[in-house]
PDB file of all heavy atoms in Angstrom:
ATOM      1  N   SER A   1    -140.761  99.197 -65.559  1.00  0.00           N
ATOM      2  CA  SER A   1    -141.838  98.422 -64.974  1.00  0.00           C
ATOM      3  C   SER A   1    -142.252  97.292 -65.905  1.00  0.00           C
ATOM      4  O   SER A   1    -142.436  97.487 -67.103  1.00  0.00           O
ATOM      5  CB  SER A   1    -143.040  99.335 -64.713  1.00  0.00           C
ATOM      6  OG  SER A   1    -144.152  98.542 -64.283  1.00  0.00           O
ATOM      7  N   GLY A   2    -142.388  96.114 -65.328  1.00  0.00           N
ATOM      8  CA  GLY A   2    -142.899  94.934 -66.042  1.00  0.00           C
ATOM      9  C   GLY A   2    -144.284  94.583 -65.621  1.00  0.00           C
ATOM     10  O   GLY A   2    -144.730  93.490 -65.927  1.00  0.00           O
ATOM     11  N   ALA A   3    -144.971  95.481 -64.902  1.00  0.00           N
ATOM     12  CA  ALA A   3    -146.257  95.175 -64.341  1.00  0.00           C
ATOM     13  C   ALA A   3    -147.371  95.256 -65.367  1.00  0.00           C
ATOM     14  O   ALA A   3    -148.363  95.930 -65.170  1.00  0.00           O
ATOM     15  CB  ALA A   3    -146.523  96.085 -63.147  1.00  0.00           C
ATOM     16  N   TYR A   4    -147.140  94.631 -66.477  1.00  0.00           N
ATOM     17  CA  TYR A   4    -148.177  94.482 -67.519  1.00  0.00           C
ATOM     18  C   TYR A   4    -148.146  93.034 -68.017  1.00  0.00           C
ATOM     19  O   TYR A   4    -149.020  92.263 -67.671  1.00  0.00           O
ATOM     20  CB  TYR A   4    -147.876  95.458 -68.666  1.00  0.00           C
ATOM     21  CG  TYR A   4    -148.693  95.257 -69.917  1.00  0.00           C
ATOM     22  CD1 TYR A   4    -150.066  95.083 -69.821  1.00  0.00           C
ATOM     23  CD2 TYR A   4    -148.063  95.167 -71.160  1.00  0.00           C
ATOM     24  CE1 TYR A   4    -150.839  94.903 -71.008  1.00  0.00           C
ATOM     25  CE2 TYR A   4    -148.847  94.938 -72.305  1.00  0.00           C
ATOM     26  CZ  TYR A   4    -150.209  94.819 -72.235  1.00  0.00           C
ATOM     27  OH  TYR A   4    -150.933  94.607 -73.358  1.00  0.00           O
ATOM     28  N   LEU A   5    -147.134  92.689 -68.765  1.00  0.00           N
ATOM     29  CA  LEU A   5    -146.991  91.326 -69.209  1.00  0.00           C
ATOM     30  C   LEU A   5    -145.592  90.750 -68.837  1.00  0.00           C
ATOM     31  O   LEU A   5    -145.074  89.871 -69.504  1.00  0.00           O
ATOM     32  CB  LEU A   5    -147.190  91.236 -70.712  1.00  0.00           C
ATOM     33  CG  LEU A   5    -148.650  91.441 -71.169  1.00  0.00           C
ATOM     34  CD1 LEU A   5    -148.717  91.545 -72.678  1.00  0.00           C
ATOM     35  CD2 LEU A   5    -149.517  90.267 -70.699  1.00  0.00           C
ATOM     36  N   GLY A   6    -145.050  91.312 -67.754  1.00  0.00           N
ATOM     37  CA  GLY A   6    -143.814  90.741 -67.174  1.00  0.00           C
ATOM     38  C   GLY A   6    -142.520  91.428 -67.580  1.00  0.00           C
ATOM     39  O   GLY A   6    -142.531  92.341 -68.382  1.00  0.00           O
ATOM     40  N   THR A   7    -141.428  90.952 -67.007  1.00  0.00           N
ATOM     41  CA  THR A   7    -140.098  91.427 -67.252  1.00  0.00           C
ATOM     42  C   THR A   7    -139.287  90.265 -67.859  1.00  0.00           C
ATOM     43  O   THR A   7    -139.228  89.191 -67.230  1.00  0.00           O
ATOM     44  CB  THR A   7    -139.415  91.944 -65.984  1.00  0.00           C
ATOM     45  OG1 THR A   7    -140.170  93.091 -65.526  1.00  0.00           O
ATOM     46  CG2 THR A   7    -137.995  92.352 -66.239  1.00  0.00           C
ATOM     47  N   SER A   8    -138.717  90.461 -68.985  1.00  0.00           N
ATOM     48  CA  SER A   8    -137.874  89.451 -69.665  1.00  0.00           C
ATOM     49  C   SER A   8    -136.431  89.611 -69.254  1.00  0.00           C
ATOM     50  O   SER A   8    -135.888  90.726 -69.319  1.00  0.00           O
ATOM     51  CB  SER A   8    -138.061  89.564 -71.180  1.00  0.00           C
ATOM     52  OG  SER A   8    -137.595  88.378 -71.824  1.00  0.00           O
ATOM     53  N   LEU A   9    -135.794  88.515 -68.842  1.00  0.00           N
ATOM     54  CA  LEU A   9    -134.420  88.579 -68.308  1.00  0.00           C
ATOM     55  C   LEU A   9    -133.459  87.859 -69.234  1.00  0.00           C
ATOM     56  O   LEU A   9    -133.797  86.827 -69.835  1.00  0.00           O
ATOM     57  CB  LEU A   9    -134.382  87.940 -66.925  1.00  0.00           C
ATOM     58  CG  LEU A   9    -135.324  88.515 -65.866  1.00  0.00           C
ATOM     59  CD1 LEU A   9    -135.197  87.689 -64.564  1.00  0.00           C
ATOM     60  CD2 LEU A   9    -135.053  89.970 -65.621  1.00  0.00           C
ATOM     61  N   ALA A  10    -132.246  88.375 -69.290  1.00  0.00           N
ATOM     62  CA  ALA A  10    -131.108  87.734 -70.001  1.00  0.00           C
ATOM     63  C   ALA A  10    -129.833  88.053 -69.282  1.00  0.00           C
ATOM     64  O   ALA A  10    -129.590  89.228 -68.964  1.00  0.00           O
ATOM     65  CB  ALA A  10    -131.101  88.196 -71.456  1.00  0.00           C
ATOM     66  N   ALA A  11    -129.014  87.032 -69.005  1.00  0.00           N
ATOM     67  CA  ALA A  11    -127.755  87.238 -68.276  1.00  0.00           C
ATOM     68  C   ALA A  11    -126.577  86.842 -69.132  1.00  0.00           C
ATOM     69  O   ALA A  11    -126.619  85.881 -69.936  1.00  0.00           O
ATOM     70  CB  ALA A  11    -127.731  86.374 -66.998  1.00  0.00           C
ATOM     71  N   ARG A  12    -125.482  87.588 -69.020  1.00  0.00           N
ATOM     72  CA  ARG A  12    -124.219  87.281 -69.700  1.00  0.00           C
ATOM     73  C   ARG A  12    -123.073  87.829 -68.854  1.00  0.00           C
ATOM     74  O   ARG A  12    -123.065  88.994 -68.543  1.00  0.00           O
ATOM     75  CB  ARG A  12    -124.180  87.848 -71.099  1.00  0.00           C
ATOM     76  CG  ARG A  12    -122.870  87.502 -71.872  1.00  0.00           C
ATOM     77  CD  ARG A  12    -122.822  86.022 -72.283  1.00  0.00           C
ATOM     78  NE  ARG A  12    -123.838  85.726 -73.307  1.00  0.00           N
ATOM     79  CZ  ARG A  12    -124.788  84.811 -73.154  1.00  0.00           C
ATOM     80  NH1 ARG A  12    -124.856  84.118 -72.046  1.00  0.00           N
ATOM     81  NH2 ARG A  12    -125.619  84.558 -74.129  1.00  0.00           N
ATOM     82  N   GLY A  13    -122.197  86.936 -68.406  1.00  0.00           N
ATOM     83  CA  GLY A  13    -121.101  87.358 -67.514  1.00  0.00           C
ATOM     84  C   GLY A  13    -121.657  87.955 -66.268  1.00  0.00           C
ATOM     85  O   GLY A  13    -122.466  87.281 -65.555  1.00  0.00           O
ATOM     86  N   SER A  14    -121.257  89.149 -65.904  1.00  0.00           N
ATOM     87  CA  SER A  14    -121.692  89.785 -64.686  1.00  0.00           C
ATOM     88  C   SER A  14    -122.819  90.784 -64.917  1.00  0.00           C
ATOM     89  O   SER A  14    -123.049  91.671 -64.083  1.00  0.00           O
ATOM     90  CB  SER A  14    -120.536  90.513 -63.973  1.00  0.00           C
ATOM     91  OG  SER A  14    -120.011  91.512 -64.789  1.00  0.00           O
ATOM     92  N   GLN A  15    -123.502  90.658 -66.047  1.00  0.00           N
ATOM     93  CA  GLN A  15    -124.596  91.612 -66.322  1.00  0.00           C
ATOM     94  C   GLN A  15    -125.938  90.877 -66.496  1.00  0.00           C
ATOM     95  O   GLN A  15    -125.982  89.786 -67.015  1.00  0.00           O
ATOM     96  CB  GLN A  15    -124.331  92.384 -67.640  1.00  0.00           C
ATOM     97  CG  GLN A  15    -123.181  93.393 -67.470  1.00  0.00           C
ATOM     98  CD  GLN A  15    -123.005  94.213 -68.733  1.00  0.00           C
ATOM     99  OE1 GLN A  15    -122.849  93.661 -69.815  1.00  0.00           O
ATOM    100  NE2 GLN A  15    -122.994  95.549 -68.563  1.00  0.00           N
ATOM    101  N   LEU A  16    -126.985  91.541 -65.936  1.00  0.00           N
ATOM    102  CA  LEU A  16    -128.357  91.055 -66.089  1.00  0.00           C
ATOM    103  C   LEU A  16    -129.102  92.123 -66.794  1.00  0.00           C
ATOM    104  O   LEU A  16    -129.149  93.270 -66.349  1.00  0.00           O
ATOM    105  CB  LEU A  16    -128.985  90.744 -64.734  1.00  0.00           C
ATOM    106  CG  LEU A  16    -130.433  90.307 -64.736  1.00  0.00           C
ATOM    107  CD1 LEU A  16    -130.530  88.900 -65.341  1.00  0.00           C
ATOM    108  CD2 LEU A  16    -131.011  90.319 -63.352  1.00  0.00           C
ATOM    109  N   PHE A  17    -129.671  91.769 -67.975  1.00  0.00           N
ATOM    110  CA  PHE A  17    -130.497  92.729 -68.739  1.00  0.00           C
ATOM    111  C   PHE A  17    -131.941  92.421 -68.463  1.00  0.00           C
ATOM    112  O   PHE A  17    -132.350  91.275 -68.457  1.00  0.00           O
ATOM    113  CB  PHE A  17    -130.169  92.568 -70.236  1.00  0.00           C
ATOM    114  CG  PHE A  17    -128.737  92.792 -70.584  1.00  0.00           C
ATOM    115  CD1 PHE A  17    -127.832  91.771 -70.537  1.00  0.00           C
ATOM    116  CD2 PHE A  17    -128.295  94.073 -70.918  1.00  0.00           C
ATOM    117  CE1 PHE A  17    -126.485  91.978 -70.861  1.00  0.00           C
ATOM    118  CE2 PHE A  17    -126.969  94.301 -71.275  1.00  0.00           C
ATOM    119  CZ  PHE A  17    -126.043  93.242 -71.227  1.00  0.00           C
ATOM    120  N   ALA A  18    -132.722  93.492 -68.281  1.00  0.00           N
ATOM    121  CA  ALA A  18    -134.134  93.365 -67.956  1.00  0.00           C
ATOM    122  C   ALA A  18    -134.975  94.161 -68.915  1.00  0.00           C
ATOM    123  O   ALA A  18    -134.824  95.387 -69.027  1.00  0.00           O
ATOM    124  CB  ALA A  18    -134.373  93.812 -66.502  1.00  0.00           C
ATOM    125  N   GLY A  19    -135.841  93.471 -69.682  1.00  0.00           N
ATOM    126  CA  GLY A  19    -136.759  94.151 -70.589  1.00  0.00           C
ATOM    127  C   GLY A  19    -138.118  94.288 -69.984  1.00  0.00           C
ATOM    128  O   GLY A  19    -138.767  93.293 -69.660  1.00  0.00           O
ATOM    129  N   TYR A  20    -138.622  95.484 -69.847  1.00  0.00           N
ATOM    130  CA  TYR A  20    -139.845  95.775 -69.121  1.00  0.00           C
ATOM    131  C   TYR A  20    -141.031  95.970 -70.122  1.00  0.00           C
ATOM    132  O   TYR A  20    -140.985  96.801 -71.022  1.00  0.00           O
ATOM    133  CB  TYR A  20    -139.679  96.992 -68.262  1.00  0.00           C
ATOM    134  CG  TYR A  20    -138.583  96.880 -67.246  1.00  0.00           C
ATOM    135  CD1 TYR A  20    -137.328  97.497 -67.421  1.00  0.00           C
ATOM    136  CD2 TYR A  20    -138.744  96.066 -66.126  1.00  0.00           C
ATOM    137  CE1 TYR A  20    -136.359  97.412 -66.462  1.00  0.00           C
ATOM    138  CE2 TYR A  20    -137.730  95.934 -65.150  1.00  0.00           C
ATOM    139  CZ  TYR A  20    -136.524  96.610 -65.364  1.00  0.00           C
ATOM    140  OH  TYR A  20    -135.521  96.487 -64.398  1.00  0.00           O
ATOM    141  N   SER A  21    -142.110  95.223 -69.895  1.00  0.00           N
ATOM    142  CA  SER A  21    -143.265  95.234 -70.780  1.00  0.00           C
ATOM    143  C   SER A  21    -144.197  96.415 -70.527  1.00  0.00           C
ATOM    144  O   SER A  21    -144.947  96.764 -71.440  1.00  0.00           O
ATOM    145  CB  SER A  21    -144.023  93.935 -70.706  1.00  0.00           C
ATOM    146  OG  SER A  21    -144.620  93.813 -69.393  1.00  0.00           O
ATOM    147  N   ALA A  22    -144.189  97.020 -69.381  1.00  0.00           N
ATOM    148  CA  ALA A  22    -145.084  98.136 -69.087  1.00  0.00           C
ATOM    149  C   ALA A  22    -144.430  99.490 -69.457  1.00  0.00           C
ATOM    150  O   ALA A  22    -145.063 100.288 -70.143  1.00  0.00           O
ATOM    151  CB  ALA A  22    -145.528  98.144 -67.644  1.00  0.00           C
ATOM    152  N   SER A  23    -143.215  99.687 -69.035  1.00  0.00           N
ATOM    153  CA  SER A  23    -142.547 100.964 -69.359  1.00  0.00           C
ATOM    154  C   SER A  23    -141.876 100.939 -70.710  1.00  0.00           C
ATOM    155  O   SER A  23    -141.369 101.893 -71.236  1.00  0.00           O
ATOM    156  CB  SER A  23    -141.485 101.279 -68.268  1.00  0.00           C
ATOM    157  OG  SER A  23    -140.622 100.236 -68.080  1.00  0.00           O
ATOM    158  N   LEU A  24    -141.824  99.724 -71.338  1.00  0.00           N
ATOM    159  CA  LEU A  24    -141.333  99.559 -72.715  1.00  0.00           C
ATOM    160  C   LEU A  24    -139.880  99.997 -72.851  1.00  0.00           C
ATOM    161  O   LEU A  24    -139.483 100.623 -73.822  1.00  0.00           O
ATOM    162  CB  LEU A  24    -142.199 100.359 -73.700  1.00  0.00           C
ATOM    163  CG  LEU A  24    -143.747 100.205 -73.575  1.00  0.00           C
ATOM    164  CD1 LEU A  24    -144.421 101.043 -74.624  1.00  0.00           C
ATOM    165  CD2 LEU A  24    -144.132  98.760 -73.725  1.00  0.00           C
ATOM    166  N   ASN A  25    -139.022  99.603 -71.882  1.00  0.00           N
ATOM    167  CA  ASN A  25    -137.607  99.953 -71.960  1.00  0.00           C
ATOM    168  C   ASN A  25    -136.786  98.825 -71.369  1.00  0.00           C
ATOM    169  O   ASN A  25    -137.303  97.799 -70.908  1.00  0.00           O
ATOM    170  CB  ASN A  25    -137.341 101.305 -71.300  1.00  0.00           C
ATOM    171  CG  ASN A  25    -137.908 101.441 -69.910  1.00  0.00           C
ATOM    172  OD1 ASN A  25    -138.279 100.477 -69.315  1.00  0.00           O
ATOM    173  ND2 ASN A  25    -137.951 102.666 -69.420  1.00  0.00           N
ATOM    174  N   ILE A  26    -135.459  99.006 -71.358  1.00  0.00           N
ATOM    175  CA  ILE A  26    -134.513  97.971 -70.924  1.00  0.00           C
ATOM    176  C   ILE A  26    -133.579  98.533 -69.868  1.00  0.00           C
ATOM    177  O   ILE A  26    -133.048  99.644 -70.012  1.00  0.00           O
ATOM    178  CB  ILE A  26    -133.705  97.468 -72.110  1.00  0.00           C
ATOM    179  CG1 ILE A  26    -134.590  96.820 -73.177  1.00  0.00           C
ATOM    180  CG2 ILE A  26    -132.644  96.423 -71.650  1.00  0.00           C
ATOM    181  CD1 ILE A  26    -133.910  96.489 -74.462  1.00  0.00           C
ATOM    182  N   GLY A  27    -133.393  97.810 -68.775  1.00  0.00           N
ATOM    183  CA  GLY A  27    -132.441  98.183 -67.723  1.00  0.00           C
ATOM    184  C   GLY A  27    -131.281  97.221 -67.700  1.00  0.00           C
ATOM    185  O   GLY A  27    -131.367  96.076 -68.090  1.00  0.00           O
ATOM    186  N   VAL A  28    -130.165  97.695 -67.154  1.00  0.00           N
ATOM    187  CA  VAL A  28    -128.941  96.878 -67.065  1.00  0.00           C
ATOM    188  C   VAL A  28    -128.529  96.812 -65.570  1.00  0.00           C
ATOM    189  O   VAL A  28    -128.356  97.894 -64.926  1.00  0.00           O
ATOM    190  CB  VAL A  28    -127.791  97.419 -67.885  1.00  0.00           C
ATOM    191  CG1 VAL A  28    -126.584  96.499 -67.831  1.00  0.00           C
ATOM    192  CG2 VAL A  28    -128.237  97.628 -69.346  1.00  0.00           C
ATOM    193  N   TRP A  29    -128.375  95.607 -65.052  1.00  0.00           N
ATOM    194  CA  TRP A  29    -127.959  95.392 -63.686  1.00  0.00           C
ATOM    195  C   TRP A  29    -126.583  94.717 -63.638  1.00  0.00           C
ATOM    196  O   TRP A  29    -126.248  93.926 -64.529  1.00  0.00           O
ATOM    197  CB  TRP A  29    -128.939  94.476 -62.971  1.00  0.00           C
ATOM    198  CG  TRP A  29    -130.375  94.952 -62.852  1.00  0.00           C
ATOM    199  CD1 TRP A  29    -131.320  94.926 -63.821  1.00  0.00           C
ATOM    200  CD2 TRP A  29    -130.957  95.576 -61.702  1.00  0.00           C
ATOM    201  NE1 TRP A  29    -132.475  95.495 -63.336  1.00  0.00           N
ATOM    202  CE2 TRP A  29    -132.280  95.890 -62.078  1.00  0.00           C
ATOM    203  CE3 TRP A  29    -130.479  95.879 -60.421  1.00  0.00           C
ATOM    204  CZ2 TRP A  29    -133.190  96.464 -61.164  1.00  0.00           C
ATOM    205  CZ3 TRP A  29    -131.390  96.449 -59.551  1.00  0.00           C
ATOM    206  CH2 TRP A  29    -132.710  96.767 -59.887  1.00  0.00           C
TER     207      TRP A  29
END
């Protein structure tokens, strides 16, 4: 969840990384 101070995004190739400010973790899409 980024429903605090947002979700930070970074893309490389066919992957999108998402850093979540509320749940304090990182997801991979």
